Each structure stands twice: as structure tokens, then as C-alpha cells.
Amino acid sequence: MEIINDRMIDGLSAEARTLPRKRTNLNFHEGEDDLIQRMLNAFEPGSYVQPHRHATPPKREVFIAISGRLLVVFFDDEGRITSNAVLDQDRGVYGIEIPEGTWHTVIALESNTVVYEIKDGPYDMSSDKEFACWAPSENASDADGYLTGIINQCMKNEEITC
């Protein structure tokens, strides 16, 4: 049995703040072969997740807000933003299911952003994600600017604009 409580969330967020990628996860599934991958993901502002999709094999992904605010952004095949949502318990938006094969990224809008993630398994690092060729890679020099551009395009006065 796993109990998700403030101590767990606070510890995970504190760890994420110390890491270069500004994010970390805590797995609840027993191994990579589990058919349902379950974890907590802690994100800090400035953490860049290169847009990607789970297409081969096709996998759904679900994010449920635990704390903070998470911007979830969807793209077309050319990298144009098609829609977005902000997961924010204070505003009554608790979660999102990302369909199989959909280009997306996630962005922490405030410190201590933690989500419960559920994704179809099994996990195979070599085929889990297809990264978008139209977006900078995680360590690219233009990744921070790209991330800021997405936020600016999607957020205006705390409202969804895309």
C-alpha cells in the first residue's frame, strides 16, 4: 500500500529543486514490465520536457494534479500549438488524459508542482517516446528560450489562450 501524503510530496519537490533537470519521479509500479506504469512526478519551473509522443507502441498517459500548477500543451505534426490546459486544483482542473500518439509537453508554472502519472506499460526506454524533431532537445542551448516561448504563447493573465 502506498499513501501519498504531504511529507512524500514535500520531499519529492525538495529533491526536484536540487536536480539539474528540475524534476524527479517516484515510481509505484514494481518494474518496467508492469502493464500500468504509476508514479509521482515533481516538476519545478524551468524544467524542459522536449515535446514527444507515445506512438510506437501507442500509449495513453494520464496526469492528475496533486499540488502546484502544470501546463499541458498539445502540438500538431509541424510543431504548432493546437491546445493546452492548466492542471490546477484551486481552479477545479484536476487531470488530463493524453491520447495515444499525441504530441505534447508539460511545464511547471509554479514551484512544488507534483502530479500523479499513469501510463500504459510496459516501459521500454528505446521505444517509450518519440521526440519531436521540430523542438530543441533537452540540453540544447535554445531549450530555455523555446520553453519561455511556449509559456508566453499559451498563458495570458492566467487564462488559457491557445
N, C-alpha and C. Protein backbone atom coordinates (compact mmCIF):
# COMPACT_ATOMS: atom_id res chain seq x y z
N MET A 1 0.84 -1.17 0.00
CA MET A 1 0.00 0.00 0.00
C MET A 1 0.89 1.24 0.00
N GLU A 2 0.53 2.18 -0.84
CA GLU A 2 1.24 3.46 -0.91
C GLU A 2 0.30 4.57 -0.47
N ILE A 3 0.72 5.35 0.48
CA ILE A 3 -0.05 6.50 0.92
C ILE A 3 0.68 7.75 0.46
N ILE A 4 -0.02 8.56 -0.31
CA ILE A 4 0.55 9.82 -0.81
C ILE A 4 0.15 10.90 0.16
N ASN A 5 1.15 11.48 0.82
CA ASN A 5 0.87 12.49 1.84
C ASN A 5 1.79 13.70 1.66
N ASP A 6 1.59 14.71 2.50
CA ASP A 6 2.38 15.94 2.41
C ASP A 6 3.88 15.68 2.53
N ARG A 7 4.27 14.79 3.42
CA ARG A 7 5.70 14.51 3.60
C ARG A 7 6.31 13.95 2.32
N MET A 8 5.59 13.06 1.65
CA MET A 8 6.07 12.48 0.40
C MET A 8 6.18 13.56 -0.68
N ILE A 9 5.14 14.38 -0.81
CA ILE A 9 5.11 15.43 -1.82
C ILE A 9 6.21 16.46 -1.56
N ASP A 10 6.33 16.89 -0.32
CA ASP A 10 7.35 17.89 0.03
C ASP A 10 8.76 17.37 -0.22
N GLY A 11 9.00 16.11 0.12
CA GLY A 11 10.31 15.52 -0.10
C GLY A 11 10.65 15.39 -1.57
N LEU A 12 9.67 15.00 -2.37
CA LEU A 12 9.89 14.86 -3.81
C LEU A 12 10.15 16.23 -4.44
N SER A 13 9.38 17.24 -4.04
CA SER A 13 9.59 18.59 -4.56
C SER A 13 10.95 19.13 -4.16
N ALA A 14 11.36 18.90 -2.93
CA ALA A 14 12.67 19.36 -2.47
C ALA A 14 13.78 18.70 -3.29
N GLU A 15 13.63 17.43 -3.59
CA GLU A 15 14.63 16.73 -4.42
C GLU A 15 14.68 17.32 -5.82
N ALA A 16 13.51 17.57 -6.42
CA ALA A 16 13.47 18.13 -7.77
C ALA A 16 14.19 19.47 -7.84
N ARG A 17 14.07 20.29 -6.80
CA ARG A 17 14.73 21.61 -6.79
C ARG A 17 16.25 21.49 -6.82
N THR A 18 16.80 20.37 -6.37
CA THR A 18 18.25 20.21 -6.31
C THR A 18 18.85 19.61 -7.58
N LEU A 19 18.00 19.11 -8.47
CA LEU A 19 18.49 18.39 -9.64
C LEU A 19 18.62 19.30 -10.86
N PRO A 20 19.62 19.04 -11.71
CA PRO A 20 19.81 19.88 -12.91
C PRO A 20 18.58 19.92 -13.82
N ARG A 21 17.85 18.80 -13.93
CA ARG A 21 16.66 18.75 -14.81
C ARG A 21 15.43 19.38 -14.16
N LYS A 22 15.53 19.71 -12.89
CA LYS A 22 14.45 20.34 -12.12
C LYS A 22 13.18 19.48 -12.09
N ARG A 23 13.37 18.17 -12.07
CA ARG A 23 12.26 17.25 -11.96
C ARG A 23 12.77 15.89 -11.49
N THR A 24 11.86 15.14 -10.90
CA THR A 24 12.16 13.78 -10.47
C THR A 24 10.85 13.02 -10.33
N ASN A 25 10.94 11.71 -10.26
CA ASN A 25 9.73 10.92 -10.08
C ASN A 25 9.94 9.84 -9.03
N LEU A 26 8.83 9.37 -8.51
CA LEU A 26 8.81 8.27 -7.55
C LEU A 26 7.87 7.23 -8.11
N ASN A 27 8.43 6.08 -8.49
CA ASN A 27 7.63 5.02 -9.12
C ASN A 27 6.89 4.20 -8.08
N PHE A 28 5.64 3.86 -8.42
CA PHE A 28 4.85 2.95 -7.61
C PHE A 28 4.75 1.58 -8.27
N HIS A 29 4.96 1.50 -9.57
CA HIS A 29 4.95 0.21 -10.24
C HIS A 29 6.20 -0.57 -9.85
N GLU A 30 6.09 -1.89 -9.93
CA GLU A 30 7.18 -2.74 -9.45
C GLU A 30 8.33 -2.87 -10.43
N GLY A 31 8.07 -2.67 -11.71
CA GLY A 31 9.13 -2.83 -12.68
C GLY A 31 8.71 -2.35 -14.05
N GLU A 32 9.65 -2.37 -14.96
CA GLU A 32 9.41 -1.89 -16.32
C GLU A 32 8.40 -2.74 -17.07
N ASP A 33 8.20 -3.99 -16.64
CA ASP A 33 7.27 -4.89 -17.32
C ASP A 33 5.82 -4.69 -16.91
N ASP A 34 5.58 -3.91 -15.84
CA ASP A 34 4.20 -3.68 -15.40
C ASP A 34 3.38 -3.07 -16.53
N LEU A 35 2.16 -3.54 -16.68
CA LEU A 35 1.30 -3.06 -17.76
C LEU A 35 0.70 -1.69 -17.47
N ILE A 36 0.75 -1.27 -16.23
CA ILE A 36 0.33 0.08 -15.86
C ILE A 36 1.47 0.72 -15.07
N GLN A 37 2.08 1.72 -15.67
CA GLN A 37 3.16 2.45 -15.03
C GLN A 37 2.53 3.57 -14.20
N ARG A 38 2.86 3.65 -12.90
CA ARG A 38 2.28 4.62 -11.99
C ARG A 38 3.38 5.30 -11.22
N MET A 39 3.30 6.63 -11.13
CA MET A 39 4.37 7.36 -10.45
C MET A 39 3.92 8.75 -10.06
N LEU A 40 4.65 9.34 -9.14
CA LEU A 40 4.54 10.76 -8.86
C LEU A 40 5.64 11.45 -9.63
N ASN A 41 5.33 12.56 -10.27
CA ASN A 41 6.32 13.37 -10.96
C ASN A 41 6.32 14.75 -10.33
N ALA A 42 7.49 15.20 -9.90
CA ALA A 42 7.65 16.54 -9.34
C ALA A 42 8.40 17.38 -10.36
N PHE A 43 7.84 18.54 -10.68
CA PHE A 43 8.42 19.47 -11.65
C PHE A 43 8.61 20.82 -10.99
N GLU A 44 9.69 21.47 -11.34
CA GLU A 44 9.93 22.85 -10.92
C GLU A 44 9.93 23.74 -12.15
N PRO A 45 9.59 25.01 -11.99
CA PRO A 45 9.66 25.92 -13.13
C PRO A 45 11.05 25.87 -13.77
N GLY A 46 11.07 25.91 -15.09
CA GLY A 46 12.32 25.84 -15.83
C GLY A 46 12.69 24.44 -16.27
N SER A 47 11.96 23.44 -15.80
CA SER A 47 12.20 22.07 -16.26
C SER A 47 11.63 21.95 -17.68
N TYR A 48 12.49 21.57 -18.61
CA TYR A 48 12.07 21.46 -20.01
C TYR A 48 11.92 19.99 -20.38
N VAL A 49 10.71 19.63 -20.78
CA VAL A 49 10.41 18.29 -21.28
C VAL A 49 10.20 18.44 -22.78
N GLN A 50 11.14 17.94 -23.57
CA GLN A 50 11.02 18.07 -25.02
C GLN A 50 9.69 17.47 -25.48
N PRO A 51 8.96 18.21 -26.33
CA PRO A 51 7.72 17.65 -26.86
C PRO A 51 7.97 16.26 -27.45
N HIS A 52 7.00 15.39 -27.18
CA HIS A 52 7.14 13.99 -27.58
C HIS A 52 5.75 13.37 -27.71
N ARG A 53 5.74 12.15 -28.20
CA ARG A 53 4.51 11.38 -28.25
C ARG A 53 4.84 9.92 -27.96
N HIS A 54 3.80 9.20 -27.59
CA HIS A 54 3.92 7.77 -27.32
C HIS A 54 3.11 7.06 -28.40
N ALA A 55 3.77 6.75 -29.51
CA ALA A 55 3.06 6.23 -30.69
C ALA A 55 3.41 4.80 -31.05
N THR A 56 4.63 4.37 -30.78
CA THR A 56 5.06 3.04 -31.20
C THR A 56 5.77 2.33 -30.04
N PRO A 57 5.06 1.55 -29.26
CA PRO A 57 3.64 1.25 -29.37
C PRO A 57 2.80 2.40 -28.82
N PRO A 58 1.55 2.50 -29.26
CA PRO A 58 0.69 3.58 -28.78
C PRO A 58 0.38 3.43 -27.30
N LYS A 59 0.50 4.55 -26.57
CA LYS A 59 0.25 4.53 -25.13
C LYS A 59 -0.49 5.79 -24.72
N ARG A 60 -1.46 5.60 -23.81
CA ARG A 60 -2.13 6.73 -23.17
C ARG A 60 -1.30 7.18 -21.99
N GLU A 61 -1.51 8.43 -21.62
CA GLU A 61 -0.81 8.99 -20.46
C GLU A 61 -1.81 9.86 -19.72
N VAL A 62 -1.86 9.73 -18.40
CA VAL A 62 -2.78 10.50 -17.57
C VAL A 62 -1.98 11.25 -16.51
N PHE A 63 -2.32 12.52 -16.33
CA PHE A 63 -1.74 13.33 -15.26
C PHE A 63 -2.86 13.80 -14.35
N ILE A 64 -2.70 13.62 -13.05
CA ILE A 64 -3.66 14.10 -12.05
C ILE A 64 -2.91 15.03 -11.11
N ALA A 65 -3.42 16.26 -10.96
CA ALA A 65 -2.76 17.28 -10.15
C ALA A 65 -2.81 16.91 -8.66
N ILE A 66 -1.65 16.99 -8.03
CA ILE A 66 -1.56 16.82 -6.58
C ILE A 66 -1.29 18.18 -5.93
N SER A 67 -0.33 18.92 -6.50
CA SER A 67 0.00 20.25 -5.99
C SER A 67 0.57 21.09 -7.12
N GLY A 68 0.53 22.40 -6.94
CA GLY A 68 1.09 23.31 -7.92
C GLY A 68 0.21 23.45 -9.15
N ARG A 69 0.82 23.90 -10.24
CA ARG A 69 0.11 24.13 -11.50
C ARG A 69 0.96 23.60 -12.64
N LEU A 70 0.35 22.80 -13.52
CA LEU A 70 1.06 22.18 -14.64
C LEU A 70 0.37 22.56 -15.94
N LEU A 71 1.12 23.18 -16.84
CA LEU A 71 0.64 23.49 -18.18
C LEU A 71 0.90 22.28 -19.07
N VAL A 72 -0.15 21.78 -19.70
CA VAL A 72 -0.04 20.65 -20.63
C VAL A 72 -0.35 21.22 -22.02
N VAL A 73 0.59 21.05 -22.95
CA VAL A 73 0.49 21.67 -24.27
C VAL A 73 0.50 20.58 -25.33
N PHE A 74 -0.40 20.74 -26.33
CA PHE A 74 -0.52 19.80 -27.43
C PHE A 74 -0.11 20.48 -28.73
N PHE A 75 0.50 19.70 -29.63
CA PHE A 75 1.04 20.21 -30.90
C PHE A 75 0.54 19.37 -32.06
N ASP A 76 0.57 19.98 -33.26
CA ASP A 76 0.33 19.21 -34.47
C ASP A 76 1.67 18.64 -34.96
N ASP A 77 1.65 17.97 -36.08
CA ASP A 77 2.86 17.31 -36.59
C ASP A 77 3.96 18.28 -37.01
N GLU A 78 3.62 19.55 -37.23
CA GLU A 78 4.61 20.55 -37.61
C GLU A 78 5.11 21.37 -36.42
N GLY A 79 4.58 21.09 -35.22
CA GLY A 79 5.04 21.78 -34.03
C GLY A 79 4.22 23.00 -33.65
N ARG A 80 3.10 23.22 -34.32
CA ARG A 80 2.22 24.33 -33.95
C ARG A 80 1.37 23.91 -32.76
N ILE A 81 1.21 24.82 -31.79
CA ILE A 81 0.38 24.53 -30.63
C ILE A 81 -1.07 24.46 -31.07
N THR A 82 -1.74 23.37 -30.70
CA THR A 82 -3.15 23.19 -31.06
C THR A 82 -4.08 23.44 -29.88
N SER A 83 -3.63 23.16 -28.67
CA SER A 83 -4.44 23.39 -27.47
C SER A 83 -3.58 23.23 -26.24
N ASN A 84 -4.14 23.62 -25.11
CA ASN A 84 -3.44 23.43 -23.85
C ASN A 84 -4.44 23.42 -22.71
N ALA A 85 -3.98 23.01 -21.56
CA ALA A 85 -4.78 23.02 -20.34
C ALA A 85 -3.85 23.26 -19.17
N VAL A 86 -4.36 23.90 -18.13
CA VAL A 86 -3.60 24.10 -16.91
C VAL A 86 -4.24 23.26 -15.82
N LEU A 87 -3.48 22.28 -15.31
CA LEU A 87 -3.95 21.49 -14.18
C LEU A 87 -3.71 22.31 -12.92
N ASP A 88 -4.78 22.57 -12.18
CA ASP A 88 -4.70 23.44 -11.01
C ASP A 88 -5.89 23.11 -10.11
N GLN A 89 -5.62 22.44 -9.00
CA GLN A 89 -6.70 22.04 -8.10
C GLN A 89 -7.50 23.24 -7.60
N ASP A 90 -6.83 24.37 -7.38
CA ASP A 90 -7.53 25.55 -6.87
C ASP A 90 -8.57 26.08 -7.86
N ARG A 91 -8.40 25.75 -9.13
CA ARG A 91 -9.34 26.20 -10.16
C ARG A 91 -10.24 25.07 -10.66
N GLY A 92 -10.17 23.94 -9.98
CA GLY A 92 -11.07 22.83 -10.32
C GLY A 92 -10.69 22.05 -11.56
N VAL A 93 -9.43 22.11 -11.97
CA VAL A 93 -8.95 21.32 -13.11
C VAL A 93 -7.95 20.31 -12.55
N TYR A 94 -8.38 19.07 -12.45
CA TYR A 94 -7.63 18.07 -11.68
C TYR A 94 -6.76 17.14 -12.50
N GLY A 95 -7.12 16.91 -13.74
CA GLY A 95 -6.34 15.94 -14.50
C GLY A 95 -6.63 16.01 -15.98
N ILE A 96 -5.82 15.23 -16.71
CA ILE A 96 -5.97 15.19 -18.17
C ILE A 96 -5.50 13.83 -18.65
N GLU A 97 -6.18 13.30 -19.66
CA GLU A 97 -5.74 12.08 -20.33
C GLU A 97 -5.24 12.46 -21.71
N ILE A 98 -4.02 12.09 -21.99
CA ILE A 98 -3.40 12.40 -23.28
C ILE A 98 -3.57 11.18 -24.18
N PRO A 99 -4.25 11.36 -25.32
CA PRO A 99 -4.48 10.22 -26.21
C PRO A 99 -3.17 9.67 -26.80
N GLU A 100 -3.23 8.43 -27.18
CA GLU A 100 -2.09 7.76 -27.81
C GLU A 100 -1.60 8.57 -29.01
N GLY A 101 -0.30 8.66 -29.17
CA GLY A 101 0.28 9.27 -30.36
C GLY A 101 0.14 10.78 -30.47
N THR A 102 -0.21 11.46 -29.41
CA THR A 102 -0.41 12.91 -29.44
C THR A 102 0.86 13.64 -28.99
N TRP A 103 1.33 14.58 -29.81
CA TRP A 103 2.49 15.39 -29.44
C TRP A 103 2.12 16.26 -28.25
N HIS A 104 2.98 16.27 -27.22
CA HIS A 104 2.69 17.06 -26.03
C HIS A 104 3.96 17.36 -25.23
N THR A 105 3.82 18.33 -24.34
CA THR A 105 4.83 18.61 -23.33
C THR A 105 4.12 19.06 -22.08
N VAL A 106 4.85 19.08 -20.97
CA VAL A 106 4.31 19.57 -19.70
C VAL A 106 5.29 20.57 -19.12
N ILE A 107 4.72 21.62 -18.47
CA ILE A 107 5.54 22.71 -17.96
C ILE A 107 5.03 23.12 -16.58
N ALA A 108 5.89 23.12 -15.58
CA ALA A 108 5.52 23.59 -14.24
C ALA A 108 5.39 25.10 -14.27
N LEU A 109 4.25 25.59 -13.79
CA LEU A 109 4.03 27.03 -13.72
C LEU A 109 4.35 27.60 -12.35
N GLU A 110 4.55 26.74 -11.37
CA GLU A 110 4.96 27.20 -10.05
C GLU A 110 5.74 26.10 -9.35
N SER A 111 6.48 26.51 -8.34
CA SER A 111 7.29 25.57 -7.57
C SER A 111 6.37 24.56 -6.87
N ASN A 112 6.93 23.40 -6.58
CA ASN A 112 6.21 22.33 -5.89
C ASN A 112 5.06 21.76 -6.71
N THR A 113 5.22 21.70 -8.01
CA THR A 113 4.21 21.09 -8.86
C THR A 113 4.45 19.58 -8.89
N VAL A 114 3.44 18.85 -8.45
CA VAL A 114 3.53 17.38 -8.41
C VAL A 114 2.25 16.82 -9.01
N VAL A 115 2.42 15.82 -9.88
CA VAL A 115 1.29 15.13 -10.49
C VAL A 115 1.45 13.63 -10.31
N TYR A 116 0.32 12.96 -10.27
CA TYR A 116 0.31 11.51 -10.30
C TYR A 116 0.16 11.14 -11.77
N GLU A 117 1.09 10.34 -12.27
CA GLU A 117 1.08 9.95 -13.68
C GLU A 117 0.76 8.47 -13.80
N ILE A 118 -0.07 8.17 -14.77
CA ILE A 118 -0.41 6.79 -15.11
C ILE A 118 -0.19 6.65 -16.62
N LYS A 119 0.56 5.63 -17.00
CA LYS A 119 0.83 5.42 -18.43
C LYS A 119 0.79 3.93 -18.71
N ASP A 120 0.30 3.61 -19.91
CA ASP A 120 0.32 2.21 -20.32
C ASP A 120 1.75 1.69 -20.31
N GLY A 121 1.93 0.47 -19.89
CA GLY A 121 3.22 -0.18 -19.91
C GLY A 121 3.20 -1.27 -20.98
N PRO A 122 4.20 -2.09 -21.02
CA PRO A 122 5.44 -1.96 -20.25
C PRO A 122 6.31 -0.80 -20.74
N TYR A 123 7.29 -0.45 -19.92
CA TYR A 123 8.20 0.64 -20.26
C TYR A 123 9.43 0.07 -20.95
N ASP A 124 9.72 0.62 -22.12
CA ASP A 124 10.93 0.26 -22.86
C ASP A 124 11.58 1.58 -23.27
N MET A 125 12.71 1.89 -22.66
CA MET A 125 13.37 3.18 -22.90
C MET A 125 13.59 3.46 -24.38
N SER A 126 13.87 2.44 -25.16
CA SER A 126 14.21 2.63 -26.57
C SER A 126 12.99 2.99 -27.43
N SER A 127 11.78 2.69 -26.95
CA SER A 127 10.59 2.97 -27.77
C SER A 127 9.51 3.75 -27.03
N ASP A 128 9.76 4.13 -25.79
CA ASP A 128 8.73 4.79 -24.99
C ASP A 128 8.28 6.12 -25.57
N LYS A 129 9.24 6.93 -26.01
CA LYS A 129 8.93 8.27 -26.51
C LYS A 129 9.55 8.47 -27.88
N GLU A 130 8.80 9.19 -28.70
CA GLU A 130 9.35 9.70 -29.95
C GLU A 130 9.46 11.21 -29.76
N PHE A 131 10.68 11.72 -29.73
CA PHE A 131 10.87 13.15 -29.51
C PHE A 131 10.65 13.92 -30.81
N ALA A 132 10.05 15.10 -30.68
CA ALA A 132 9.73 15.94 -31.84
C ALA A 132 11.01 16.53 -32.43
N CYS A 133 11.20 16.33 -33.73
CA CYS A 133 12.39 16.86 -34.40
C CYS A 133 12.29 18.37 -34.56
N TRP A 134 11.11 18.95 -34.43
CA TRP A 134 10.91 20.39 -34.59
C TRP A 134 11.12 21.17 -33.29
N ALA A 135 11.47 20.48 -32.21
CA ALA A 135 11.70 21.13 -30.92
C ALA A 135 13.13 20.87 -30.46
N PRO A 136 13.71 21.82 -29.72
CA PRO A 136 15.08 21.60 -29.23
C PRO A 136 15.15 20.40 -28.29
N SER A 137 16.28 19.73 -28.29
CA SER A 137 16.49 18.64 -27.35
C SER A 137 16.66 19.22 -25.94
N GLU A 138 16.60 18.37 -24.96
CA GLU A 138 16.59 18.82 -23.57
C GLU A 138 17.79 19.69 -23.21
N ASN A 139 18.95 19.36 -23.67
CA ASN A 139 20.16 20.11 -23.28
C ASN A 139 20.61 21.13 -24.32
N ALA A 140 19.78 21.40 -25.30
CA ALA A 140 20.15 22.35 -26.35
C ALA A 140 20.20 23.77 -25.80
N SER A 141 21.05 24.59 -26.39
CA SER A 141 21.22 25.96 -25.91
C SER A 141 19.95 26.80 -26.07
N ASP A 142 19.09 26.44 -27.00
CA ASP A 142 17.86 27.22 -27.22
C ASP A 142 16.64 26.64 -26.51
N ALA A 143 16.82 25.63 -25.66
CA ALA A 143 15.70 24.99 -24.97
C ALA A 143 14.99 25.97 -24.03
N ASP A 144 15.74 26.77 -23.28
CA ASP A 144 15.12 27.72 -22.35
C ASP A 144 14.26 28.75 -23.10
N GLY A 145 14.76 29.26 -24.21
CA GLY A 145 14.00 30.22 -25.00
C GLY A 145 12.75 29.60 -25.59
N TYR A 146 12.86 28.36 -26.04
CA TYR A 146 11.71 27.65 -26.60
C TYR A 146 10.65 27.47 -25.52
N LEU A 147 11.08 27.06 -24.32
CA LEU A 147 10.17 26.87 -23.19
C LEU A 147 9.45 28.17 -22.84
N THR A 148 10.19 29.26 -22.76
CA THR A 148 9.59 30.57 -22.47
C THR A 148 8.59 30.96 -23.56
N GLY A 149 8.91 30.69 -24.80
CA GLY A 149 8.01 31.00 -25.91
C GLY A 149 6.70 30.25 -25.81
N ILE A 150 6.75 28.98 -25.42
CA ILE A 150 5.52 28.20 -25.26
C ILE A 150 4.65 28.81 -24.16
N ILE A 151 5.29 29.12 -23.04
CA ILE A 151 4.54 29.72 -21.92
C ILE A 151 3.90 31.04 -22.35
N ASN A 152 4.68 31.88 -23.02
CA ASN A 152 4.16 33.19 -23.46
C ASN A 152 3.02 33.03 -24.45
N GLN A 153 3.12 32.03 -25.31
CA GLN A 153 2.07 31.82 -26.31
C GLN A 153 0.78 31.29 -25.68
N CYS A 154 0.91 30.50 -24.65
CA CYS A 154 -0.25 29.83 -24.07
C CYS A 154 -0.88 30.57 -22.89
N MET A 155 -0.13 31.40 -22.22
CA MET A 155 -0.63 32.00 -20.99
C MET A 155 -0.70 33.52 -21.13
N LYS A 156 -1.85 34.06 -20.76
CA LYS A 156 -2.00 35.50 -20.72
C LYS A 156 -2.99 35.80 -19.61
N ASN A 157 -2.54 36.54 -18.63
CA ASN A 157 -3.39 36.86 -17.49
C ASN A 157 -3.96 35.60 -16.83
N GLU A 158 -3.14 34.56 -16.76
CA GLU A 158 -3.52 33.30 -16.10
C GLU A 158 -4.67 32.59 -16.79
N GLU A 159 -4.95 32.92 -18.03
CA GLU A 159 -6.03 32.26 -18.76
C GLU A 159 -5.45 31.46 -19.92
N ILE A 160 -6.15 30.43 -20.33
CA ILE A 160 -5.74 29.64 -21.47
C ILE A 160 -6.02 30.46 -22.73
N THR A 161 -5.01 30.58 -23.59
CA THR A 161 -5.18 31.39 -24.79
C THR A 161 -5.00 30.61 -26.07
N CYS A 162 -4.54 29.39 -26.00
CA CYS A 162 -4.31 28.62 -27.23
C CYS A 162 -5.46 27.67 -27.48
